[in-house]
PDB file of N, CA and C in Angstrom:
ATOM      1  N   MET A   1     -77.290  -9.396 -39.789  1.00  0.00           N
ATOM      2  CA  MET A   1     -76.424 -10.149 -40.008  1.00  0.00           C
ATOM      3  C   MET A   1     -75.214 -11.297 -39.636  1.00  0.00           C
ATOM      4  N   ALA A   2     -74.760 -11.856 -38.180  1.00  0.00           N
ATOM      5  CA  ALA A   2     -73.982 -12.313 -37.278  1.00  0.00           C
ATOM      6  C   ALA A   2     -72.508 -12.608 -37.903  1.00  0.00           C
ATOM      7  N   ASN A   3     -72.055 -12.192 -37.615  1.00  0.00           N
ATOM      8  CA  ASN A   3     -70.116 -12.305 -38.009  1.00  0.00           C
ATOM      9  C   ASN A   3     -69.620 -13.893 -38.084  1.00  0.00           C
ATOM     10  N   HIS A   4     -69.937 -13.741 -36.234  1.00  0.00           N
ATOM     11  CA  HIS A   4     -69.477 -15.138 -36.359  1.00  0.00           C
ATOM     12  C   HIS A   4     -69.393 -16.479 -35.727  1.00  0.00           C
ATOM     13  N   SER A   5     -68.674 -17.483 -36.152  1.00  0.00           N
ATOM     14  CA  SER A   5     -69.333 -18.761 -35.647  1.00  0.00           C
ATOM     15  C   SER A   5     -69.800 -18.841 -35.172  1.00  0.00           C
ATOM     16  N   ALA A   6     -69.610 -18.926 -33.930  1.00  0.00           N
ATOM     17  CA  ALA A   6     -70.280 -19.123 -32.944  1.00  0.00           C
ATOM     18  C   ALA A   6     -71.754 -18.243 -32.865  1.00  0.00           C
ATOM     19  N   THR A   7     -72.165 -17.632 -33.206  1.00  0.00           N
ATOM     20  CA  THR A   7     -73.919 -16.942 -33.598  1.00  0.00           C
ATOM     21  C   THR A   7     -74.057 -17.476 -34.337  1.00  0.00           C
ATOM     22  N   LYS A   8     -73.153 -16.740 -35.535  1.00  0.00           N
ATOM     23  CA  LYS A   8     -74.724 -17.879 -36.425  1.00  0.00           C
ATOM     24  C   LYS A   8     -74.974 -19.709 -36.557  1.00  0.00           C
ATOM     25  N   LYS A   9     -74.463 -20.461 -35.605  1.00  0.00           N
ATOM     26  CA  LYS A   9     -74.821 -20.987 -34.820  1.00  0.00           C
ATOM     27  C   LYS A   9     -75.812 -21.560 -34.253  1.00  0.00           C
ATOM     28  N   ASP A  10     -75.739 -20.473 -32.244  1.00  0.00           N
ATOM     29  CA  ASP A  10     -76.285 -20.425 -32.612  1.00  0.00           C
ATOM     30  C   ASP A  10     -77.486 -19.811 -32.712  1.00  0.00           C
ATOM     31  N   THR A  11     -78.120 -19.590 -33.555  1.00  0.00           N
ATOM     32  CA  THR A  11     -78.870 -18.242 -34.480  1.00  0.00           C
ATOM     33  C   THR A  11     -79.618 -19.854 -34.839  1.00  0.00           C
ATOM     34  N   ARG A  12     -78.965 -20.787 -35.975  1.00  0.00           N
ATOM     35  CA  ARG A  12     -79.516 -22.245 -36.284  1.00  0.00           C
ATOM     36  C   ARG A  12     -79.676 -23.542 -34.574  1.00  0.00           C
ATOM     37  N   GLN A  13     -79.590 -22.820 -33.596  1.00  0.00           N
ATOM     38  CA  GLN A  13     -79.736 -23.807 -32.867  1.00  0.00           C
ATOM     39  C   GLN A  13     -80.635 -23.611 -32.541  1.00  0.00           C
ATOM     40  N   ALA A  14     -81.509 -21.649 -32.305  1.00  0.00           N
ATOM     41  CA  ALA A  14     -82.235 -20.959 -31.021  1.00  0.00           C
ATOM     42  C   ALA A  14     -83.506 -21.611 -32.027  1.00  0.00           C
ATOM     43  N   ALA A  15     -83.366 -21.158 -34.278  1.00  0.00           N
ATOM     44  CA  ALA A  15     -85.097 -21.933 -34.732  1.00  0.00           C
ATOM     45  C   ALA A  15     -84.981 -23.228 -34.566  1.00  0.00           C
ATOM     46  N   LYS A  16     -84.474 -24.882 -34.869  1.00  0.00           N
ATOM     47  CA  LYS A  16     -84.531 -24.866 -34.316  1.00  0.00           C
ATOM     48  C   LYS A  16     -85.724 -25.231 -33.171  1.00  0.00           C
ATOM     49  N   ARG A  17     -84.711 -25.185 -32.388  1.00  0.00           N
ATOM     50  CA  ARG A  17     -86.308 -25.381 -30.917  1.00  0.00           C
ATOM     51  C   ARG A  17     -86.971 -24.913 -31.074  1.00  0.00           C
ATOM     52  N   ARG A  18     -87.295 -23.326 -31.683  1.00  0.00           N
ATOM     53  CA  ARG A  18     -88.401 -23.224 -31.640  1.00  0.00           C
ATOM     54  C   ARG A  18     -89.508 -23.812 -32.616  1.00  0.00           C
ATOM     55  N   ASP A  19     -89.582 -24.293 -33.789  1.00  0.00           N
ATOM     56  CA  ASP A  19     -89.433 -25.106 -34.613  1.00  0.00           C
ATOM     57  C   ASP A  19     -90.475 -25.856 -33.475  1.00  0.00           C
ATOM     58  N   ARG A  20     -89.311 -27.134 -32.700  1.00  0.00           N
ATOM     59  CA  ARG A  20     -89.892 -27.924 -32.522  1.00  0.00           C
ATOM     60  C   ARG A  20     -90.524 -27.723 -31.615  1.00  0.00           C
ATOM     61  N   ASN A  21     -90.655 -26.566 -30.608  1.00  0.00           N
ATOM     62  CA  ASN A  21     -91.509 -25.821 -29.823  1.00  0.00           C
ATOM     63  C   ASN A  21     -92.757 -25.863 -29.871  1.00  0.00           C
ATOM     64  N   LYS A  22     -92.636 -24.190 -31.687  1.00  0.00           N
ATOM     65  CA  LYS A  22     -94.294 -24.408 -31.894  1.00  0.00           C
ATOM     66  C   LYS A  22     -94.641 -26.315 -32.337  1.00  0.00           C
ATOM     67  N   TYR A  23     -94.020 -26.920 -32.522  1.00  0.00           N
ATOM     68  CA  TYR A  23     -94.477 -28.574 -33.472  1.00  0.00           C
ATOM     69  C   TYR A  23     -95.918 -29.287 -32.138  1.00  0.00           C
ATOM     70  N   TYR A  24     -94.461 -28.755 -30.339  1.00  0.00           N
ATOM     71  CA  TYR A  24     -95.009 -29.206 -29.073  1.00  0.00           C
ATOM     72  C   TYR A  24     -96.274 -28.736 -29.144  1.00  0.00           C
ATOM     73  N   GLY A  25     -96.726 -27.946 -29.012  1.00  0.00           N
ATOM     74  CA  GLY A  25     -97.315 -27.028 -28.619  1.00  0.00           C
ATOM     75  C   GLY A  25     -98.681 -26.743 -29.629  1.00  0.00           C
ATOM     76  N   LYS A  26     -98.772 -26.956 -30.603  1.00  0.00           N
ATOM     77  CA  LYS A  26     -99.849 -27.124 -31.986  1.00  0.00           C
ATOM     78  C   LYS A  26     -99.799 -28.685 -31.250  1.00  0.00           C
ATOM     79  N   THR A  27     -98.871 -29.391 -31.769  1.00  0.00           N
ATOM     80  CA  THR A  27     -99.647 -31.286 -31.530  1.00  0.00           C
ATOM     81  C   THR A  27    -100.805 -31.081 -30.153  1.00  0.00           C
ATOM     82  N   THR A  28    -100.072 -30.571 -29.010  1.00  0.00           N
ATOM     83  CA  THR A  28    -100.592 -30.394 -27.619  1.00  0.00           C
ATOM     84  C   THR A  28    -102.287 -29.582 -27.709  1.00  0.00           C
ATOM     85  N   ARG A  29    -102.683 -28.715 -28.019  1.00  0.00           N
ATOM     86  CA  ARG A  29    -103.953 -28.004 -28.701  1.00  0.00           C
ATOM     87  C   ARG A  29    -104.726 -28.260 -29.414  1.00  0.00           C
ATOM     88  N   ASN A  30    -104.067 -29.316 -30.262  1.00  0.00           N
ATOM     89  CA  ASN A  30    -105.403 -30.419 -31.017  1.00  0.00           C
ATOM     90  C   ASN A  30    -105.170 -31.281 -30.569  1.00  0.00           C
ATOM     91  N   ALA A  31    -104.467 -32.017 -29.329  1.00  0.00           N
ATOM     92  CA  ALA A  31    -105.023 -33.007 -28.568  1.00  0.00           C
ATOM     93  C   ALA A  31    -106.579 -32.668 -28.132  1.00  0.00           C
ATOM     94  N   ILE A  32    -106.168 -31.617 -27.680  1.00  0.00           N
ATOM     95  CA  ILE A  32    -106.922 -30.929 -26.158  1.00  0.00           C
ATOM     96  C   ILE A  32    -108.075 -30.826 -26.854  1.00  0.00           C
ATOM     97  N   ARG A  33    -107.954 -29.736 -28.661  1.00  0.00           N
ATOM     98  CA  ARG A  33    -109.031 -29.953 -28.527  1.00  0.00           C
ATOM     99  C   ARG A  33    -109.876 -30.918 -29.687  1.00  0.00           C
ATOM    100  N   GLU A  34    -109.747 -32.295 -29.474  1.00  0.00           N
ATOM    101  CA  GLU A  34    -110.236 -33.637 -29.632  1.00  0.00           C
ATOM    102  C   GLU A  34    -110.724 -33.601 -28.558  1.00  0.00           C
ATOM    103  N   LEU A  35    -109.720 -33.843 -28.032  1.00  0.00           N
ATOM    104  CA  LEU A  35    -110.357 -34.129 -26.494  1.00  0.00           C
ATOM    105  C   LEU A  35    -111.459 -33.339 -26.305  1.00  0.00           C
ATOM    106  N   LYS A  36    -111.758 -32.500 -26.748  1.00  0.00           N
ATOM    107  CA  LYS A  36    -113.070 -32.147 -25.781  1.00  0.00           C
ATOM    108  C   LYS A  36    -113.900 -32.509 -27.628  1.00  0.00           C
ATOM    109  N   ALA A  37    -113.513 -32.573 -27.675  1.00  0.00           N
ATOM    110  CA  ALA A  37    -114.662 -33.529 -29.528  1.00  0.00           C
ATOM    111  C   ALA A  37    -115.402 -34.419 -29.079  1.00  0.00           C
ATOM    112  N   GLY A  38    -114.600 -35.195 -28.565  1.00  0.00           N
ATOM    113  CA  GLY A  38    -115.241 -36.343 -28.497  1.00  0.00           C
ATOM    114  C   GLY A  38    -115.635 -36.787 -27.314  1.00  0.00           C
ATOM    115  N   ASP A  39    -116.391 -38.452 -27.571  1.00  0.00           N
ATOM    116  CA  ASP A  39    -117.657 -39.085 -26.379  1.00  0.00           C
ATOM    117  C   ASP A  39    -117.468 -38.512 -24.705  1.00  0.00           C
ATOM    118  N   LYS A  40    -117.905 -39.103 -24.051  1.00  0.00           N
ATOM    119  CA  LYS A  40    -117.599 -39.738 -22.057  1.00  0.00           C
ATOM    120  C   LYS A  40    -116.334 -40.311 -22.041  1.00  0.00           C
ATOM    121  N   LYS A  41    -116.845 -42.120 -22.901  1.00  0.00           N
ATOM    122  CA  LYS A  41    -115.590 -43.573 -23.054  1.00  0.00           C
ATOM    123  C   LYS A  41    -114.083 -42.647 -23.436  1.00  0.00           C
ATOM    124  N   ALA A  42    -113.921 -41.512 -24.821  1.00  0.00           N
ATOM    125  CA  ALA A  42    -112.734 -40.791 -25.390  1.00  0.00           C
ATOM    126  C   ALA A  42    -112.181 -40.249 -24.104  1.00  0.00           C
ATOM    127  N   TYR A  43    -113.096 -39.601 -24.375  1.00  0.00           N
ATOM    128  CA  TYR A  43    -112.692 -38.459 -22.606  1.00  0.00           C
ATOM    129  C   TYR A  43    -112.038 -39.116 -21.456  1.00  0.00           C
ATOM    130  N   ASP A  44    -112.593 -39.683 -21.265  1.00  0.00           N
ATOM    131  CA  ASP A  44    -111.770 -40.668 -19.267  1.00  0.00           C
ATOM    132  C   ASP A  44    -110.402 -41.435 -19.954  1.00  0.00           C
ATOM    133  N   GLU A  45    -110.411 -42.180 -21.778  1.00  0.00           N
ATOM    134  CA  GLU A  45    -109.677 -42.788 -22.298  1.00  0.00           C
ATOM    135  C   GLU A  45    -108.368 -41.768 -21.873  1.00  0.00           C
ATOM    136  N   SER A  46    -108.476 -41.037 -23.003  1.00  0.00           N
ATOM    137  CA  SER A  46    -107.461 -39.845 -23.512  1.00  0.00           C
ATOM    138  C   SER A  46    -107.309 -38.920 -22.413  1.00  0.00           C
ATOM    139  N   LEU A  47    -107.634 -38.389 -21.902  1.00  0.00           N
ATOM    140  CA  LEU A  47    -108.166 -37.615 -21.069  1.00  0.00           C
ATOM    141  C   LEU A  47    -105.935 -37.505 -20.179  1.00  0.00           C
ATOM    142  N   PRO A  48    -105.613 -39.306 -19.069  1.00  0.00           N
ATOM    143  CA  PRO A  48    -104.810 -38.622 -19.209  1.00  0.00           C
ATOM    144  C   PRO A  48    -103.208 -38.499 -19.949  1.00  0.00           C
ATOM    145  N   ASN A  49    -103.594 -38.885 -21.385  1.00  0.00           N
ATOM    146  CA  ASN A  49    -102.434 -39.502 -22.027  1.00  0.00           C
ATOM    147  C   ASN A  49    -102.329 -37.060 -22.180  1.00  0.00           C
ATOM    148  N   VAL A  50    -103.166 -36.538 -22.269  1.00  0.00           N
ATOM    149  CA  VAL A  50    -103.169 -35.286 -22.358  1.00  0.00           C
ATOM    150  C   VAL A  50    -102.518 -34.235 -21.525  1.00  0.00           C
ATOM    151  N   ILE A  51    -102.761 -35.050 -20.586  1.00  0.00           N
ATOM    152  CA  ILE A  51    -102.680 -34.404 -19.018  1.00  0.00           C
ATOM    153  C   ILE A  51    -101.273 -34.110 -19.316  1.00  0.00           C
ATOM    154  N   SER A  52    -100.406 -35.034 -19.883  1.00  0.00           N
ATOM    155  CA  SER A  52     -99.182 -35.296 -19.572  1.00  0.00           C
ATOM    156  C   SER A  52     -98.609 -34.934 -20.433  1.00  0.00           C
ATOM    157  N   MET A  53     -99.293 -34.357 -21.472  1.00  0.00           N
ATOM    158  CA  MET A  53     -98.620 -33.438 -22.924  1.00  0.00           C
ATOM    159  C   MET A  53     -98.302 -32.249 -22.108  1.00  0.00           C
ATOM    160  N   ILE A  54     -99.648 -31.518 -21.844  1.00  0.00           N
ATOM    161  CA  ILE A  54     -99.141 -30.662 -20.818  1.00  0.00           C
ATOM    162  C   ILE A  54     -98.385 -29.988 -20.076  1.00  0.00           C
ATOM    163  N   ASP A  55     -98.458 -31.341 -19.070  1.00  0.00           N
ATOM    164  CA  ASP A  55     -96.820 -31.227 -17.873  1.00  0.00           C
ATOM    165  C   ASP A  55     -95.236 -31.134 -18.468  1.00  0.00           C
ATOM    166  N   LYS A  56     -95.321 -31.682 -19.325  1.00  0.00           N
ATOM    167  CA  LYS A  56     -94.308 -32.122 -20.847  1.00  0.00           C
ATOM    168  C   LYS A  56     -93.578 -30.370 -21.449  1.00  0.00           C
ATOM    169  N   LEU A  57     -95.209 -30.147 -21.832  1.00  0.00           N
ATOM    170  CA  LEU A  57     -94.471 -27.985 -22.317  1.00  0.00           C
ATOM    171  C   LEU A  57     -94.385 -28.164 -20.644  1.00  0.00           C
ATOM    172  N   ALA A  58     -94.544 -27.894 -20.019  1.00  0.00           N
ATOM    173  CA  ALA A  58     -94.881 -27.239 -18.684  1.00  0.00           C
ATOM    174  C   ALA A  58     -93.674 -26.759 -18.273  1.00  0.00           C
ATOM    175  N   LYS A  59     -92.770 -28.296 -18.666  1.00  0.00           N
ATOM    176  CA  LYS A  59     -91.090 -28.119 -17.866  1.00  0.00           C
ATOM    177  C   LYS A  59     -90.445 -27.943 -19.085  1.00  0.00           C
ATOM    178  N   ARG A  60     -91.044 -28.347 -19.904  1.00  0.00           N
ATOM    179  CA  ARG A  60     -90.079 -27.863 -20.904  1.00  0.00           C
ATOM    180  C   ARG A  60     -89.281 -25.871 -20.639  1.00  0.00           C
ATOM    181  N   GLY A  61     -91.321 -26.206 -20.164  1.00  0.00           N
ATOM    182  CA  GLY A  61     -91.288 -24.128 -20.729  1.00  0.00           C
ATOM    183  C   GLY A  61     -91.393 -24.073 -21.446  1.00  0.00           C
ATOM    184  N   ILE A  62     -92.035 -24.431 -22.317  1.00  0.00           N
ATOM    185  CA  ILE A  62     -92.710 -24.236 -23.269  1.00  0.00           C
ATOM    186  C   ILE A  62     -94.150 -22.783 -22.832  1.00  0.00           C
ATOM    187  N   ILE A  63     -95.122 -23.909 -21.614  1.00  0.00           N
ATOM    188  CA  ILE A  63     -96.514 -22.917 -21.228  1.00  0.00           C
ATOM    189  C   ILE A  63     -95.893 -23.058 -20.284  1.00  0.00           C
ATOM    190  N   HIS A  64     -96.200 -21.825 -19.731  1.00  0.00           N
ATOM    191  CA  HIS A  64     -95.824 -21.430 -17.896  1.00  0.00           C
ATOM    192  C   HIS A  64     -96.849 -22.073 -17.342  1.00  0.00           C
ATOM    193  N   LYS A  65     -95.557 -23.315 -15.741  1.00  0.00           N
ATOM    194  CA  LYS A  65     -96.316 -23.607 -14.943  1.00  0.00           C
ATOM    195  C   LYS A  65     -98.415 -23.918 -14.855  1.00  0.00           C
ATOM    196  N   ASN A  66     -98.162 -21.860 -14.395  1.00  0.00           N
ATOM    197  CA  ASN A  66    -100.120 -21.426 -14.475  1.00  0.00           C
ATOM    198  C   ASN A  66    -100.523 -22.348 -15.542  1.00  0.00           C
ATOM    199  N   LYS A  67    -100.578 -22.047 -16.510  1.00  0.00           N
ATOM    200  CA  LYS A  67    -101.137 -22.036 -17.530  1.00  0.00           C
ATOM    201  C   LYS A  67    -101.259 -23.924 -17.701  1.00  0.00           C
ATOM    202  N   ALA A  68    -100.729 -24.691 -17.647  1.00  0.00           N
ATOM    203  CA  ALA A  68    -100.728 -25.915 -17.371  1.00  0.00           C
ATOM    204  C   ALA A  68    -101.239 -25.818 -15.914  1.00  0.00           C
ATOM    205  N   ALA A  69    -101.412 -25.571 -15.231  1.00  0.00           N
ATOM    206  CA  ALA A  69    -102.431 -25.758 -13.788  1.00  0.00           C
ATOM    207  C   ALA A  69    -103.530 -25.409 -14.945  1.00  0.00           C
ATOM    208  N   ASN A  70    -103.905 -24.114 -14.855  1.00  0.00           N
ATOM    209  CA  ASN A  70    -105.401 -23.675 -15.039  1.00  0.00           C
ATOM    210  C   ASN A  70    -105.483 -24.979 -16.889  1.00  0.00           C
ATOM    211  N   LEU A  71    -104.632 -25.474 -17.288  1.00  0.00           N
ATOM    212  CA  LEU A  71    -106.152 -26.332 -18.194  1.00  0.00           C
ATOM    213  C   LEU A  71    -106.309 -27.579 -17.986  1.00  0.00           C
ATOM    214  N   LYS A  72    -106.020 -28.386 -17.051  1.00  0.00           N
ATOM    215  CA  LYS A  72    -105.730 -29.109 -16.992  1.00  0.00           C
ATOM    216  C   LYS A  72    -107.114 -29.623 -16.094  1.00  0.00           C
ATOM    217  N   SER A  73    -106.868 -28.209 -14.775  1.00  0.00           N
ATOM    218  CA  SER A  73    -108.361 -28.390 -14.123  1.00  0.00           C
ATOM    219  C   SER A  73    -109.098 -27.322 -14.720  1.00  0.00           C
ATOM    220  N   LYS A  74    -109.584 -26.970 -15.609  1.00  0.00           N
ATOM    221  CA  LYS A  74    -110.663 -26.928 -16.843  1.00  0.00           C
ATOM    222  C   LYS A  74    -111.018 -28.776 -16.953  1.00  0.00           C
ATOM    223  N   LEU A  75    -109.803 -29.173 -18.233  1.00  0.00           N
ATOM    224  CA  LEU A  75    -110.160 -30.344 -18.626  1.00  0.00           C
ATOM    225  C   LEU A  75    -110.359 -31.992 -17.590  1.00  0.00           C
ATOM    226  N   SER A  76    -109.954 -31.937 -16.202  1.00  0.00           N
ATOM    227  CA  SER A  76    -110.415 -32.783 -15.351  1.00  0.00           C
ATOM    228  C   SER A  76    -112.284 -32.157 -14.135  1.00  0.00           C
ATOM    229  N   LYS A  77    -112.608 -30.566 -15.132  1.00  0.00           N
ATOM    230  CA  LYS A  77    -113.830 -30.217 -13.932  1.00  0.00           C
ATOM    231  C   LYS A  77    -114.546 -30.876 -14.604  1.00  0.00           C
ATOM    232  N   LYS A  78    -114.000 -31.015 -16.650  1.00  0.00           N
ATOM    233  CA  LYS A  78    -115.178 -31.563 -17.420  1.00  0.00           C
ATOM    234  C   LYS A  78    -115.341 -32.561 -17.296  1.00  0.00           C
ATOM    235  N   LYS A  79    -114.449 -33.559 -16.497  1.00  0.00           N
ATOM    236  CA  LYS A  79    -115.024 -34.692 -16.212  1.00  0.00           C
ATOM    237  C   LYS A  79    -115.386 -35.593 -15.498  1.00  0.00           C
ATOM    238  N   ALA A  80    -115.370 -33.960 -14.182  1.00  0.00           N
ATOM    239  CA  ALA A  80    -116.592 -34.434 -13.010  1.00  0.00           C
ATOM    240  C   ALA A  80    -117.969 -33.935 -13.691  1.00  0.00           C
TER     241      ALA A  80
END
């Protein structure tokens, strides 16, 4: 365990960030899963929202930018 107060604070901040990132990632994965399960009209309506969520994950560094591009490509291909 860390002895310096700055290191303890850094550990607390890292835990908060990790929980927040897990939440954002899981929320986006659930949105993708619901998008795939929905009908055509719902798919067309919610696709821009899901793509926006994926972009935000890539911008924050939660997922890699190439993974984000692959996810968006697969979802867009299904729409077409």
